[in-house]
N, C-alpha and C. Protein backbone atom coordinates (compact mmCIF):
# COMPACT_ATOMS: atom_id res chain seq x y z
N MET A 1 0.46 1.41 -21.37
CA MET A 1 1.63 2.22 -20.67
C MET A 1 1.42 2.03 -19.32
N SER A 2 2.48 2.03 -18.35
CA SER A 2 2.55 1.87 -17.07
C SER A 2 2.23 3.22 -16.40
N ASN A 3 1.85 2.99 -15.12
CA ASN A 3 1.63 4.42 -14.28
C ASN A 3 2.82 4.91 -14.10
N THR A 4 2.91 6.36 -13.60
CA THR A 4 4.12 6.81 -13.56
C THR A 4 4.47 6.88 -12.13
N THR A 5 5.48 6.73 -11.56
CA THR A 5 5.92 6.72 -10.17
C THR A 5 7.43 7.05 -10.09
N SER A 6 7.84 7.00 -8.91
CA SER A 6 9.29 7.44 -8.68
C SER A 6 10.07 6.19 -8.22
N ILE A 7 9.43 5.24 -7.59
CA ILE A 7 10.02 3.97 -7.29
C ILE A 7 9.32 2.66 -7.86
N TYR A 8 9.85 1.79 -8.20
CA TYR A 8 9.18 0.43 -8.57
C TYR A 8 9.71 -0.70 -7.74
N TYR A 9 8.84 -1.71 -7.36
CA TYR A 9 9.33 -2.84 -6.43
C TYR A 9 9.20 -4.08 -7.29
N VAL A 10 10.30 -4.93 -6.93
CA VAL A 10 10.44 -6.18 -7.76
C VAL A 10 10.42 -7.42 -6.84
N LYS A 11 9.90 -8.27 -7.21
CA LYS A 11 9.97 -9.65 -6.52
C LYS A 11 10.70 -10.57 -7.66
N ALA A 12 11.60 -11.32 -7.31
CA ALA A 12 12.33 -12.25 -8.12
C ALA A 12 12.48 -13.62 -7.71
N SER A 13 12.40 -14.73 -8.70
CA SER A 13 12.50 -16.01 -8.26
C SER A 13 13.43 -16.56 -9.36
N PRO A 14 14.40 -17.69 -8.91
CA PRO A 14 15.19 -18.24 -9.81
C PRO A 14 14.47 -19.13 -10.89
N THR A 15 15.05 -19.13 -12.01
CA THR A 15 14.71 -20.14 -13.05
C THR A 15 15.97 -20.77 -13.69
N GLY A 16 15.79 -21.84 -14.12
CA GLY A 16 16.96 -22.61 -14.75
C GLY A 16 17.60 -23.39 -13.74
N SER A 17 18.77 -23.95 -14.18
CA SER A 17 19.65 -24.76 -13.12
C SER A 17 21.19 -24.58 -13.38
N ARG A 18 21.84 -25.13 -12.64
CA ARG A 18 23.46 -25.06 -12.68
C ARG A 18 23.85 -25.62 -14.25
N SER A 19 23.04 -26.50 -14.89
CA SER A 19 23.44 -27.07 -16.06
C SER A 19 22.62 -26.32 -17.08
N SER A 20 21.86 -25.40 -17.01
CA SER A 20 21.12 -24.68 -17.93
C SER A 20 21.09 -23.15 -17.56
N PRO A 21 20.84 -22.26 -18.37
CA PRO A 21 20.98 -20.75 -17.79
C PRO A 21 20.19 -20.52 -16.83
N MET A 22 20.56 -19.75 -15.73
CA MET A 22 20.08 -19.36 -14.66
C MET A 22 19.68 -17.98 -14.74
N ASN A 23 18.44 -17.60 -14.46
CA ASN A 23 17.98 -16.12 -14.80
C ASN A 23 17.00 -16.05 -13.43
N ALA A 24 16.50 -14.58 -13.34
CA ALA A 24 15.71 -14.17 -12.35
C ALA A 24 14.31 -13.85 -13.13
N SER A 25 13.38 -14.55 -12.73
CA SER A 25 12.16 -14.02 -13.27
C SER A 25 11.34 -13.06 -12.40
N CYS A 26 11.24 -12.10 -12.75
CA CYS A 26 10.74 -10.86 -12.01
C CYS A 26 9.38 -10.38 -12.45
N SER A 27 8.96 -9.97 -11.28
CA SER A 27 7.50 -9.26 -11.31
C SER A 27 7.66 -7.83 -10.69
N TYR A 28 6.99 -6.87 -11.35
CA TYR A 28 7.12 -5.47 -10.94
C TYR A 28 5.90 -4.98 -10.38
N PHE A 29 6.00 -4.08 -9.55
CA PHE A 29 4.87 -3.48 -8.77
C PHE A 29 5.05 -2.06 -8.55
N ALA A 30 3.94 -1.31 -8.50
CA ALA A 30 3.92 0.27 -8.31
C ALA A 30 3.90 0.57 -6.74
N ASP A 31 3.77 -0.40 -5.88
CA ASP A 31 3.64 -0.20 -4.53
C ASP A 31 4.19 -1.26 -3.76
N PRO A 32 4.77 -0.96 -2.46
CA PRO A 32 5.48 -1.89 -1.63
C PRO A 32 4.63 -3.11 -1.27
N ALA A 33 3.52 -2.97 -1.10
CA ALA A 33 2.58 -4.21 -0.66
C ALA A 33 2.41 -5.01 -1.76
N CYS A 34 2.90 -4.81 -3.15
CA CYS A 34 2.82 -5.74 -4.33
C CYS A 34 1.30 -5.81 -4.66
N GLN A 35 0.54 -4.97 -4.58
CA GLN A 35 -0.75 -4.88 -4.97
C GLN A 35 -1.19 -4.38 -6.48
N GLN A 36 -0.22 -3.70 -6.76
CA GLN A 36 -0.35 -3.17 -8.18
C GLN A 36 0.73 -3.43 -9.08
N PRO A 37 0.44 -4.68 -9.93
CA PRO A 37 1.28 -5.18 -10.76
C PRO A 37 1.44 -4.18 -11.99
N ILE A 38 2.85 -4.27 -12.37
CA ILE A 38 3.36 -3.36 -13.71
C ILE A 38 3.87 -4.39 -14.78
N SER A 39 3.38 -4.12 -15.99
CA SER A 39 3.92 -4.91 -17.04
C SER A 39 4.48 -3.83 -18.09
N GLY A 40 5.35 -4.16 -19.03
CA GLY A 40 5.92 -3.30 -19.75
C GLY A 40 6.96 -2.45 -19.30
N THR A 41 7.24 -1.19 -20.00
CA THR A 41 8.16 -0.21 -19.55
C THR A 41 7.71 0.29 -18.26
N LEU A 42 8.85 0.56 -17.32
CA LEU A 42 8.75 1.20 -16.05
C LEU A 42 8.84 2.79 -16.41
N VAL A 43 7.80 3.61 -16.05
CA VAL A 43 7.89 4.88 -16.45
C VAL A 43 7.99 5.86 -15.39
N TYR A 44 8.85 6.66 -15.43
CA TYR A 44 9.13 7.56 -14.31
C TYR A 44 8.59 8.96 -14.73
N GLY A 45 8.29 9.90 -13.61
CA GLY A 45 7.64 11.10 -13.99
C GLY A 45 8.68 12.12 -14.46
N GLN A 46 7.92 13.06 -14.82
CA GLN A 46 8.73 14.28 -15.44
C GLN A 46 9.65 14.88 -14.34
N GLY A 47 10.95 15.15 -14.92
CA GLY A 47 11.89 15.75 -13.94
C GLY A 47 12.45 14.86 -13.06
N ILE A 48 12.07 13.49 -12.89
CA ILE A 48 12.66 12.73 -11.86
C ILE A 48 14.13 12.25 -12.60
N THR A 49 15.26 12.38 -11.98
CA THR A 49 16.45 11.93 -12.42
C THR A 49 17.27 10.82 -11.73
N ASN A 50 16.72 10.28 -10.80
CA ASN A 50 17.00 9.01 -10.10
C ASN A 50 15.77 8.03 -10.11
N CYS A 51 15.99 7.03 -11.09
CA CYS A 51 14.98 5.98 -10.91
C CYS A 51 15.38 4.94 -10.07
N GLN A 52 14.36 4.42 -9.31
CA GLN A 52 14.82 3.52 -8.27
C GLN A 52 13.88 2.27 -8.63
N ILE A 53 14.52 1.12 -8.23
CA ILE A 53 14.16 -0.24 -8.29
C ILE A 53 14.34 -0.82 -6.84
N ALA A 54 13.40 -1.27 -6.25
CA ALA A 54 13.68 -1.82 -4.83
C ALA A 54 13.02 -3.31 -4.80
N GLN A 55 13.76 -4.10 -4.06
CA GLN A 55 13.32 -5.44 -3.65
C GLN A 55 12.25 -5.37 -2.92
N ALA A 56 11.36 -5.97 -3.35
CA ALA A 56 9.96 -6.11 -2.60
C ALA A 56 10.11 -7.26 -1.47
N SER A 57 9.24 -7.12 -0.39
CA SER A 57 9.28 -7.99 0.61
C SER A 57 8.44 -9.34 0.14
N GLY A 58 9.33 -10.43 0.61
CA GLY A 58 8.84 -11.65 -0.13
C GLY A 58 9.62 -12.20 -1.42
N SER A 59 10.59 -11.51 -1.77
CA SER A 59 11.20 -11.75 -3.11
C SER A 59 12.03 -13.15 -2.70
N GLY A 60 11.97 -14.02 -3.76
CA GLY A 60 12.78 -15.15 -3.48
C GLY A 60 14.28 -14.98 -3.63
N LEU A 61 14.59 -14.03 -4.27
CA LEU A 61 16.21 -13.57 -4.61
C LEU A 61 16.38 -12.20 -4.06
N GLN A 62 17.81 -11.85 -3.75
CA GLN A 62 18.21 -10.77 -3.13
C GLN A 62 18.76 -9.83 -4.32
N LEU A 63 18.21 -8.53 -4.44
CA LEU A 63 18.73 -7.72 -5.48
C LEU A 63 20.24 -7.16 -4.91
N LYS A 64 21.18 -7.33 -5.84
CA LYS A 64 22.58 -7.01 -5.62
C LYS A 64 22.94 -5.89 -6.58
N SER A 65 22.56 -5.69 -7.75
CA SER A 65 23.30 -4.68 -8.52
C SER A 65 22.32 -4.32 -9.73
N ALA A 66 22.52 -3.57 -10.67
CA ALA A 66 22.19 -3.32 -11.94
C ALA A 66 23.06 -2.97 -13.00
N THR A 67 23.04 -3.25 -14.12
CA THR A 67 23.68 -2.47 -15.28
C THR A 67 22.60 -2.11 -16.15
N TYR A 68 22.86 -0.97 -17.03
CA TYR A 68 22.00 -0.33 -17.66
C TYR A 68 22.67 0.44 -18.81
N ASP A 69 22.05 0.66 -19.89
CA ASP A 69 22.34 1.46 -21.16
C ASP A 69 21.29 2.03 -21.81
N THR A 70 21.74 3.27 -22.35
CA THR A 70 20.66 4.01 -23.00
C THR A 70 20.30 3.24 -24.42
N LEU A 71 19.15 3.13 -24.82
CA LEU A 71 18.78 2.44 -25.95
C LEU A 71 19.02 3.35 -27.11
N ASN A 72 19.18 2.91 -28.34
CA ASN A 72 19.40 3.54 -29.61
C ASN A 72 20.60 4.46 -29.48
N GLN A 73 21.45 4.13 -28.72
CA GLN A 73 22.89 4.91 -28.40
C GLN A 73 23.99 3.59 -28.74
N PRO A 74 25.07 3.98 -29.03
CA PRO A 74 26.31 2.70 -29.10
C PRO A 74 26.28 2.19 -27.65
N ALA A 75 26.53 0.86 -27.68
CA ALA A 75 26.83 0.09 -26.50
C ALA A 75 27.87 0.49 -25.80
N ALA A 76 27.76 0.55 -24.61
CA ALA A 76 28.99 1.05 -23.58
C ALA A 76 28.89 0.07 -22.39
N SER A 77 29.87 -0.23 -21.97
CA SER A 77 30.17 -1.08 -20.78
C SER A 77 31.17 -0.24 -19.93
N SER A 78 30.77 0.17 -18.72
CA SER A 78 31.86 0.92 -17.92
C SER A 78 31.34 0.89 -16.51
N THR A 79 32.18 1.46 -15.56
CA THR A 79 31.76 1.54 -14.27
C THR A 79 30.65 2.84 -14.11
N SER A 80 30.51 3.46 -15.12
CA SER A 80 29.52 4.56 -15.28
C SER A 80 28.14 4.08 -15.47
N ASN A 81 27.95 2.77 -15.82
CA ASN A 81 26.56 2.09 -16.08
C ASN A 81 26.23 1.03 -15.22
N PHE A 82 27.08 1.06 -14.16
CA PHE A 82 26.80 -0.28 -13.20
C PHE A 82 26.50 0.43 -11.80
N VAL A 83 25.58 -0.09 -11.12
CA VAL A 83 25.21 0.44 -9.78
C VAL A 83 24.96 -0.78 -8.82
N THR A 84 25.48 -0.65 -7.62
CA THR A 84 25.31 -1.74 -6.64
C THR A 84 24.06 -1.26 -5.81
N ALA A 85 23.41 -2.31 -5.31
CA ALA A 85 22.14 -2.10 -4.33
C ALA A 85 22.59 -1.51 -3.06
N VAL A 86 21.77 -0.52 -2.76
CA VAL A 86 21.98 -0.17 -1.36
C VAL A 86 20.66 -0.23 -0.46
N ASN A 87 20.81 -1.30 0.55
CA ASN A 87 19.66 -1.66 1.24
C ASN A 87 18.52 -2.15 0.38
N GLY A 88 18.90 -2.85 -0.71
CA GLY A 88 18.01 -3.58 -1.60
C GLY A 88 17.35 -2.59 -2.65
N VAL A 89 17.98 -1.52 -2.81
CA VAL A 89 17.57 -0.60 -3.96
C VAL A 89 18.48 -0.23 -4.81
N VAL A 90 18.63 -0.12 -6.02
CA VAL A 90 19.22 0.17 -7.22
C VAL A 90 18.64 1.56 -7.74
N THR A 91 19.65 2.55 -7.71
CA THR A 91 19.31 3.87 -8.26
C THR A 91 19.85 3.99 -9.66
N ILE A 92 19.25 4.28 -10.66
CA ILE A 92 19.68 4.63 -12.01
C ILE A 92 19.45 5.91 -12.43
N PRO A 93 20.67 6.53 -12.70
CA PRO A 93 20.46 8.05 -13.22
C PRO A 93 19.85 8.14 -14.50
N MET A 94 19.11 9.29 -14.61
CA MET A 94 18.39 9.65 -15.99
C MET A 94 18.68 11.10 -16.21
N PRO A 95 18.71 11.58 -17.49
CA PRO A 95 18.87 12.91 -17.66
C PRO A 95 17.71 13.76 -17.30
N ALA A 96 18.03 15.02 -16.82
CA ALA A 96 16.92 15.85 -16.46
C ALA A 96 16.36 16.71 -17.64
N ASP A 97 17.13 16.73 -18.83
CA ASP A 97 16.69 17.58 -19.81
C ASP A 97 16.10 16.83 -21.05
N GLY A 98 15.28 15.95 -20.83
CA GLY A 98 14.66 15.32 -22.01
C GLY A 98 14.15 13.86 -21.70
N SER A 99 13.47 13.28 -22.57
CA SER A 99 13.22 11.97 -22.32
C SER A 99 14.35 10.79 -22.62
N SER A 100 14.37 9.77 -21.91
CA SER A 100 15.40 8.75 -22.21
C SER A 100 14.84 7.46 -21.90
N THR A 101 15.22 6.29 -22.71
CA THR A 101 14.88 5.07 -22.42
C THR A 101 16.09 4.15 -22.15
N LYS A 102 16.29 3.52 -21.06
CA LYS A 102 17.17 2.62 -20.81
C LYS A 102 16.79 1.12 -20.67
N GLY A 103 17.63 0.37 -21.09
CA GLY A 103 17.63 -1.07 -20.94
C GLY A 103 18.43 -1.46 -19.59
N VAL A 104 17.66 -2.33 -18.79
CA VAL A 104 18.41 -2.54 -17.52
C VAL A 104 18.43 -4.15 -17.30
N ILE A 105 19.51 -4.42 -16.62
CA ILE A 105 19.57 -5.87 -16.30
C ILE A 105 19.87 -5.90 -14.73
N LEU A 106 18.89 -6.41 -13.98
CA LEU A 106 19.01 -6.46 -12.48
C LEU A 106 19.86 -7.76 -12.19
N VAL A 107 20.79 -7.80 -11.37
CA VAL A 107 21.36 -9.00 -10.84
C VAL A 107 20.94 -9.21 -9.44
N PHE A 108 20.56 -10.55 -9.20
CA PHE A 108 20.18 -10.96 -7.85
C PHE A 108 21.16 -12.10 -7.52
N SER A 109 21.04 -12.65 -6.17
CA SER A 109 21.79 -13.61 -5.72
C SER A 109 20.74 -14.32 -5.00
N ASP A 110 21.04 -15.74 -4.61
CA ASP A 110 20.28 -16.63 -3.65
C ASP A 110 20.74 -16.05 -2.24
N ALA A 111 20.17 -16.67 -1.39
CA ALA A 111 20.49 -16.22 0.09
C ALA A 111 21.94 -16.53 0.47
N ASN A 112 22.38 -17.51 -0.03
CA ASN A 112 24.01 -17.73 0.28
C ASN A 112 25.05 -17.13 -0.56
N THR A 113 24.41 -16.34 -1.63
CA THR A 113 25.18 -15.97 -2.48
C THR A 113 26.17 -16.78 -3.41
N SER A 114 25.59 -17.89 -3.36
CA SER A 114 26.57 -19.03 -4.11
C SER A 114 26.18 -19.15 -5.74
N ALA A 115 25.15 -18.34 -6.19
CA ALA A 115 24.63 -18.03 -7.50
C ALA A 115 24.22 -16.76 -7.90
N LEU A 116 24.42 -16.08 -9.02
CA LEU A 116 24.16 -14.99 -9.58
C LEU A 116 22.90 -15.21 -10.50
N TYR A 117 21.80 -14.47 -10.51
CA TYR A 117 20.64 -14.49 -11.50
C TYR A 117 20.46 -13.12 -11.93
N PRO A 118 20.79 -13.11 -13.35
CA PRO A 118 20.46 -11.64 -13.89
C PRO A 118 18.84 -11.88 -14.48
N SER A 119 18.22 -10.58 -14.56
CA SER A 119 16.94 -10.50 -14.91
C SER A 119 16.98 -10.49 -16.56
N TYR A 120 15.84 -10.54 -16.87
CA TYR A 120 15.49 -10.17 -18.48
C TYR A 120 15.43 -8.65 -18.30
N ASP A 121 15.78 -8.35 -19.59
CA ASP A 121 15.89 -6.79 -19.78
C ASP A 121 14.58 -5.90 -19.71
N PRO A 122 14.25 -5.42 -18.43
CA PRO A 122 13.12 -4.41 -18.42
C PRO A 122 13.60 -3.05 -18.79
N GLN A 123 12.74 -2.21 -19.37
CA GLN A 123 13.02 -0.90 -19.88
C GLN A 123 12.50 0.09 -18.86
N ILE A 124 13.30 1.16 -18.79
CA ILE A 124 12.71 2.31 -17.83
C ILE A 124 12.93 3.52 -18.85
N ARG A 125 11.94 4.39 -18.64
CA ARG A 125 11.76 5.48 -19.15
C ARG A 125 11.25 6.74 -18.52
N ASN A 126 12.09 7.75 -18.84
CA ASN A 126 11.67 9.07 -17.91
C ASN A 126 10.86 10.07 -18.88
N ASN A 127 9.99 10.78 -18.44
CA ASN A 127 8.98 11.55 -19.51
C ASN A 127 9.77 12.84 -19.91
N GLY A 128 10.99 13.15 -19.29
CA GLY A 128 11.62 14.31 -19.63
C GLY A 128 10.78 15.67 -18.94
N ASN A 129 11.42 16.72 -19.66
CA ASN A 129 10.78 17.96 -19.22
C ASN A 129 10.02 18.60 -20.44
């Protein structure tokens, strides 16, 4: 299980090419210096309702947005489950009254914004109250 924190940091690098699927290969960290790697589910503390993922210094791609959905619920796609990055940080709302696990796809771009790179689906979970 991952450590519990209120913000995680991500470094991303491109994979694939224009002729094959392009994705962002991501590494997650519990600290801004990227000294504490995290694997598996990103776990947020009890009562935290805004889960944040921030672009780490030295990332090969720029964090642009995220889309998310609650796991074990009917799939939904709307503007209510899409957030844009603000200053390299995406904020994903979580319920204050109980545990919830969401699948998240982060969207990155290269420096020229000539291509988009989606991440593989990390999961985030809050511990609820």
